[in-house]
Amino acid sequence: MDRLHFDYVKSQKPVLLLIHGFLGSMEQWDYLENGLSNHYSLLKIDLPGHGNSLEFTSPYSLESLTLLIDRILIEEDI
């Protein structure tokens, strides 16, 4: 596993990072998206094994998860 599935609604507004909880997916933010997008650029992420993100193929750690999220932030120039 070397990528997380994400959706980035980019605008000239500050970025709000939306990460779901246990057993969720980024789809749980859909009902808030219209209101939030009036004030923020939205970055929604599916965590490993949830939504459209594959499970980790190596041992799961908070450090490995933060590195994957950091890679998205760098790639999207956030």
N, C-alpha and C. Protein backbone atom coordinates (compact mmCIF):
# COMPACT_ATOMS: atom_id res chain seq x y z
N MET A 1 0.86 -1.18 0.00
CA MET A 1 0.00 0.00 0.00
C MET A 1 0.89 1.23 0.00
N ASP A 2 0.80 2.00 -1.02
CA ASP A 2 1.64 3.19 -1.06
C ASP A 2 0.85 4.43 -1.42
N ARG A 3 -0.50 4.32 -1.50
CA ARG A 3 -1.34 5.48 -1.83
C ARG A 3 -2.66 5.40 -1.10
N LEU A 4 -3.18 6.57 -0.79
CA LEU A 4 -4.52 6.67 -0.23
C LEU A 4 -5.42 7.32 -1.27
N HIS A 5 -6.65 6.88 -1.31
CA HIS A 5 -7.62 7.51 -2.20
C HIS A 5 -8.05 8.83 -1.56
N PHE A 6 -8.14 9.88 -2.36
CA PHE A 6 -8.56 11.17 -1.82
C PHE A 6 -9.28 11.97 -2.87
N ASP A 7 -9.97 13.00 -2.41
CA ASP A 7 -10.66 13.94 -3.29
C ASP A 7 -10.33 15.33 -2.80
N TYR A 8 -9.83 16.17 -3.70
CA TYR A 8 -9.43 17.52 -3.33
C TYR A 8 -10.23 18.51 -4.15
N VAL A 9 -11.07 19.28 -3.48
CA VAL A 9 -11.85 20.34 -4.12
C VAL A 9 -11.08 21.63 -3.86
N LYS A 10 -10.26 22.01 -4.82
CA LYS A 10 -9.33 23.12 -4.66
C LYS A 10 -9.99 24.45 -5.02
N SER A 11 -9.70 25.45 -4.20
CA SER A 11 -10.13 26.82 -4.48
C SER A 11 -9.10 27.76 -3.86
N GLN A 12 -9.37 29.02 -3.86
CA GLN A 12 -8.44 30.00 -3.28
C GLN A 12 -8.64 30.16 -1.78
N LYS A 13 -9.44 29.28 -1.19
CA LYS A 13 -9.76 29.35 0.25
C LYS A 13 -8.81 28.46 1.04
N PRO A 14 -8.73 28.65 2.37
CA PRO A 14 -7.89 27.77 3.20
C PRO A 14 -8.33 26.31 3.06
N VAL A 15 -7.38 25.39 3.25
CA VAL A 15 -7.66 23.97 3.09
C VAL A 15 -8.13 23.37 4.42
N LEU A 16 -9.22 22.60 4.33
CA LEU A 16 -9.73 21.85 5.47
C LEU A 16 -9.53 20.37 5.15
N LEU A 17 -8.76 19.68 5.99
CA LEU A 17 -8.48 18.26 5.82
C LEU A 17 -9.53 17.47 6.58
N LEU A 18 -10.27 16.61 5.87
CA LEU A 18 -11.34 15.81 6.47
C LEU A 18 -10.92 14.34 6.47
N ILE A 19 -10.78 13.78 7.68
CA ILE A 19 -10.40 12.38 7.85
C ILE A 19 -11.50 11.71 8.66
N HIS A 20 -12.04 10.62 8.12
CA HIS A 20 -13.14 9.93 8.78
C HIS A 20 -12.67 9.13 9.99
N GLY A 21 -13.62 8.67 10.78
CA GLY A 21 -13.34 7.84 11.94
C GLY A 21 -13.44 6.37 11.62
N PHE A 22 -13.46 5.56 12.65
CA PHE A 22 -13.51 4.11 12.58
C PHE A 22 -14.69 3.63 11.72
N LEU A 23 -14.41 2.75 10.78
CA LEU A 23 -15.41 2.15 9.88
C LEU A 23 -16.08 3.14 8.93
N GLY A 24 -15.51 4.31 8.76
CA GLY A 24 -16.09 5.31 7.87
C GLY A 24 -15.39 5.35 6.53
N SER A 25 -15.71 6.37 5.77
CA SER A 25 -15.04 6.67 4.51
C SER A 25 -15.22 8.16 4.26
N MET A 26 -14.56 8.65 3.23
CA MET A 26 -14.67 10.08 2.95
C MET A 26 -16.08 10.47 2.54
N GLU A 27 -16.90 9.49 2.16
CA GLU A 27 -18.28 9.78 1.78
C GLU A 27 -19.12 10.32 2.94
N GLN A 28 -18.68 10.07 4.17
CA GLN A 28 -19.46 10.56 5.31
C GLN A 28 -19.46 12.09 5.39
N TRP A 29 -18.56 12.74 4.64
CA TRP A 29 -18.50 14.20 4.64
C TRP A 29 -19.37 14.82 3.56
N ASP A 30 -19.96 14.01 2.68
CA ASP A 30 -20.73 14.53 1.55
C ASP A 30 -21.84 15.49 1.97
N TYR A 31 -22.53 15.19 3.06
CA TYR A 31 -23.65 16.04 3.46
C TYR A 31 -23.20 17.41 3.98
N LEU A 32 -21.95 17.55 4.32
CA LEU A 32 -21.42 18.83 4.80
C LEU A 32 -20.68 19.61 3.71
N GLU A 33 -20.41 18.95 2.60
CA GLU A 33 -19.54 19.52 1.58
C GLU A 33 -20.03 20.86 1.04
N ASN A 34 -21.30 20.99 0.73
CA ASN A 34 -21.81 22.25 0.18
C ASN A 34 -21.58 23.42 1.13
N GLY A 35 -21.88 23.25 2.40
CA GLY A 35 -21.69 24.33 3.36
C GLY A 35 -20.22 24.65 3.61
N LEU A 36 -19.40 23.59 3.74
CA LEU A 36 -17.98 23.80 4.00
C LEU A 36 -17.25 24.41 2.81
N SER A 37 -17.66 24.04 1.60
CA SER A 37 -16.94 24.53 0.42
C SER A 37 -17.17 26.03 0.19
N ASN A 38 -18.12 26.62 0.89
CA ASN A 38 -18.28 28.08 0.81
C ASN A 38 -17.13 28.80 1.51
N HIS A 39 -16.45 28.10 2.41
CA HIS A 39 -15.40 28.72 3.22
C HIS A 39 -14.02 28.07 3.07
N TYR A 40 -13.98 26.84 2.53
CA TYR A 40 -12.72 26.08 2.50
C TYR A 40 -12.53 25.34 1.18
N SER A 41 -11.27 25.08 0.86
CA SER A 41 -10.91 24.04 -0.10
C SER A 41 -10.96 22.74 0.69
N LEU A 42 -11.55 21.69 0.16
CA LEU A 42 -11.75 20.46 0.93
C LEU A 42 -10.86 19.34 0.42
N LEU A 43 -10.11 18.74 1.35
CA LEU A 43 -9.31 17.56 1.08
C LEU A 43 -9.88 16.42 1.92
N LYS A 44 -10.53 15.45 1.24
CA LYS A 44 -11.13 14.30 1.92
C LYS A 44 -10.27 13.08 1.60
N ILE A 45 -9.97 12.29 2.64
CA ILE A 45 -9.09 11.13 2.48
C ILE A 45 -9.78 9.88 2.99
N ASP A 46 -9.67 8.77 2.22
CA ASP A 46 -10.07 7.45 2.70
C ASP A 46 -8.86 6.81 3.37
N LEU A 47 -8.99 6.44 4.62
CA LEU A 47 -7.90 5.78 5.33
C LEU A 47 -7.72 4.36 4.80
N PRO A 48 -6.57 3.73 5.07
CA PRO A 48 -6.30 2.38 4.54
C PRO A 48 -7.40 1.38 4.92
N GLY A 49 -7.83 0.61 3.91
CA GLY A 49 -8.85 -0.40 4.14
C GLY A 49 -10.26 0.15 4.22
N HIS A 50 -10.45 1.41 3.91
CA HIS A 50 -11.75 2.06 3.97
C HIS A 50 -12.03 2.75 2.63
N GLY A 51 -13.32 2.85 2.28
CA GLY A 51 -13.68 3.52 1.03
C GLY A 51 -12.95 2.89 -0.13
N ASN A 52 -12.25 3.71 -0.90
CA ASN A 52 -11.52 3.23 -2.07
C ASN A 52 -10.01 3.08 -1.84
N SER A 53 -9.57 3.16 -0.59
CA SER A 53 -8.15 2.94 -0.29
C SER A 53 -7.92 1.48 0.04
N LEU A 54 -6.84 0.92 -0.51
CA LEU A 54 -6.48 -0.46 -0.22
C LEU A 54 -5.95 -0.58 1.20
N GLU A 55 -5.94 -1.81 1.72
CA GLU A 55 -5.38 -2.06 3.04
C GLU A 55 -3.86 -1.96 2.98
N PHE A 56 -3.25 -1.71 4.14
CA PHE A 56 -1.79 -1.72 4.23
C PHE A 56 -1.28 -3.12 3.90
N THR A 57 -0.18 -3.22 3.17
CA THR A 57 0.44 -4.51 2.90
C THR A 57 1.57 -4.77 3.89
N SER A 58 1.95 -3.76 4.65
CA SER A 58 2.98 -3.90 5.68
C SER A 58 2.34 -3.55 7.03
N PRO A 59 3.05 -3.76 8.12
CA PRO A 59 2.46 -3.44 9.42
C PRO A 59 1.96 -1.99 9.49
N TYR A 60 0.78 -1.84 10.06
CA TYR A 60 0.12 -0.53 10.17
C TYR A 60 0.71 0.26 11.32
N SER A 61 1.05 1.50 11.06
CA SER A 61 1.53 2.36 12.15
C SER A 61 1.04 3.78 11.90
N LEU A 62 0.95 4.53 12.95
CA LEU A 62 0.55 5.92 12.83
C LEU A 62 1.58 6.70 12.00
N GLU A 63 2.85 6.34 12.15
CA GLU A 63 3.89 7.01 11.37
C GLU A 63 3.72 6.77 9.88
N SER A 64 3.44 5.52 9.48
CA SER A 64 3.26 5.23 8.05
C SER A 64 2.04 5.94 7.49
N LEU A 65 0.98 6.05 8.30
CA LEU A 65 -0.21 6.76 7.87
C LEU A 65 0.07 8.25 7.69
N THR A 66 0.78 8.85 8.62
CA THR A 66 1.08 10.28 8.49
C THR A 66 1.99 10.55 7.29
N LEU A 67 2.88 9.62 6.97
CA LEU A 67 3.73 9.80 5.78
C LEU A 67 2.91 9.76 4.50
N LEU A 68 1.89 8.89 4.44
CA LEU A 68 1.02 8.85 3.27
C LEU A 68 0.20 10.13 3.13
N ILE A 69 -0.30 10.64 4.24
CA ILE A 69 -1.06 11.89 4.22
C ILE A 69 -0.14 13.05 3.83
N ASP A 70 1.07 13.04 4.38
CA ASP A 70 2.04 14.09 4.05
C ASP A 70 2.37 14.08 2.55
N ARG A 71 2.46 12.90 1.96
CA ARG A 71 2.74 12.79 0.52
C ARG A 71 1.63 13.46 -0.29
N ILE A 72 0.38 13.27 0.12
CA ILE A 72 -0.73 13.93 -0.57
C ILE A 72 -0.62 15.44 -0.44
N LEU A 73 -0.32 15.92 0.75
CA LEU A 73 -0.18 17.36 0.97
C LEU A 73 0.91 17.96 0.09
N ILE A 74 2.03 17.24 -0.04
CA ILE A 74 3.14 17.72 -0.87
C ILE A 74 2.75 17.69 -2.34
N GLU A 75 2.16 16.57 -2.80
CA GLU A 75 1.77 16.45 -4.20
C GLU A 75 0.76 17.51 -4.62
N GLU A 76 -0.13 17.87 -3.72
CA GLU A 76 -1.16 18.86 -4.02
C GLU A 76 -0.73 20.28 -3.67
N ASP A 77 0.53 20.44 -3.24
CA ASP A 77 1.11 21.75 -2.92
C ASP A 77 0.30 22.46 -1.83
N ILE A 78 0.01 21.72 -0.78
CA ILE A 78 -0.73 22.28 0.36
C ILE A 78 0.26 22.54 1.48
